Amino acid sequence: MNGLSDVRLTLHSQELAKGQDNGTRAANMRNAPSGLGRWGLFWHRLHTRKALLVLSPEQLQDIGLSREQAREEGLKPFWRI
């Protein structure tokens, strides 16, 4: 391998190790603004999921979701990941 590939592999392994150190909280907070508590996270999920239900077909295409996928996610309770 060349030096650049070695650096990429090293950085990738460091990112993986750091991700494992964060535990499940990082996985639960994915795509949520930083600094949210439990209720803030629930509130964020509630509003973003409801927003999915009113997106136009063009907007859904922009984010790579079908109408069915958006509906399934939008109807999920706020406490589910």
Protein backbone atom coordinates (compact mmCIF):
# COMPACT_ATOMS: atom_id res chain seq x y z
CA MET A 1 0.00 0.00 0.00
CA ASN A 2 1.02 3.57 -0.47
CA GLY A 3 1.27 6.05 2.41
CA LEU A 4 -2.12 7.64 1.73
CA SER A 5 -3.94 4.32 2.03
CA ASP A 6 -2.18 3.62 5.33
CA VAL A 7 -3.32 6.99 6.69
CA ARG A 8 -6.90 6.35 5.59
CA LEU A 9 -6.95 2.94 7.24
CA THR A 10 -5.52 4.37 10.43
CA LEU A 11 -8.06 7.20 10.53
CA HIS A 12 -10.91 4.81 9.76
CA SER A 13 -9.89 2.44 12.56
CA GLN A 14 -9.66 5.40 14.97
CA GLU A 15 -13.17 6.53 13.98
CA LEU A 16 -14.49 3.03 14.55
CA ALA A 17 -12.85 2.81 17.97
CA LYS A 18 -14.20 6.23 18.93
CA GLY A 19 -17.69 5.19 17.81
CA GLN A 20 -17.55 2.11 20.01
CA ASP A 21 -16.50 4.23 22.97
CA ASN A 22 -19.59 6.41 22.58
CA GLY A 23 -21.82 3.38 23.10
CA THR A 24 -25.48 3.23 22.22
CA ARG A 25 -26.21 6.88 23.04
CA ALA A 26 -24.49 7.95 19.82
CA ALA A 27 -26.55 5.45 17.85
CA ASN A 28 -29.75 6.69 19.48
CA MET A 29 -28.90 10.31 18.75
CA ARG A 30 -28.11 9.89 15.08
CA ASN A 31 -29.12 12.87 12.99
CA ALA A 32 -30.31 14.79 16.04
CA PRO A 33 -28.86 18.16 17.03
CA SER A 34 -26.17 17.90 19.68
CA GLY A 35 -26.97 18.78 23.26
CA LEU A 36 -30.47 17.33 23.35
CA GLY A 37 -31.70 15.51 26.42
CA ARG A 38 -34.14 12.63 26.28
CA TRP A 39 -37.25 14.84 25.98
CA GLY A 40 -35.55 17.09 23.45
CA LEU A 41 -34.74 14.04 21.36
CA PHE A 42 -38.34 12.83 21.59
CA TRP A 43 -39.58 16.28 20.57
CA HIS A 44 -37.14 16.36 17.63
CA ARG A 45 -38.25 12.92 16.44
CA LEU A 46 -41.93 13.84 16.73
CA HIS A 47 -41.57 16.96 14.60
CA THR A 48 -39.23 15.55 11.99
CA ARG A 49 -41.36 12.45 11.53
CA LYS A 50 -44.51 14.52 11.13
CA ALA A 51 -42.69 16.72 8.61
CA LEU A 52 -42.02 13.63 6.46
CA LEU A 53 -45.76 13.13 6.05
CA VAL A 54 -46.26 16.46 4.29
CA LEU A 55 -43.30 16.43 1.88
CA SER A 56 -43.99 16.58 -1.83
CA PRO A 57 -42.90 13.76 -4.14
CA GLU A 58 -40.05 15.96 -5.42
CA GLN A 59 -38.82 16.63 -1.88
CA LEU A 60 -38.97 12.93 -1.03
CA GLN A 61 -36.99 12.14 -4.16
CA ASP A 62 -34.37 14.70 -3.10
CA ILE A 63 -33.82 12.91 0.21
CA GLY A 64 -34.00 9.46 -1.37
CA LEU A 65 -37.22 8.18 0.20
CA SER A 66 -40.31 6.73 -1.34
CA ARG A 67 -43.78 7.80 -0.21
CA GLU A 68 -44.17 4.44 1.57
CA GLN A 69 -40.87 4.78 3.43
CA ALA A 70 -41.74 8.33 4.51
CA ARG A 71 -45.19 7.24 5.67
CA GLU A 72 -43.75 4.29 7.62
CA GLU A 73 -41.21 6.53 9.37
CA GLY A 74 -43.66 9.39 9.86
CA LEU A 75 -46.23 7.18 11.61
CA LYS A 76 -43.67 5.65 14.00
CA PRO A 77 -44.13 6.69 17.65
CA PHE A 78 -41.62 9.27 18.87
CA TRP A 79 -40.10 6.88 21.42
CA ARG A 80 -39.04 4.36 18.74
CA ILE A 81 -35.74 4.67 16.95
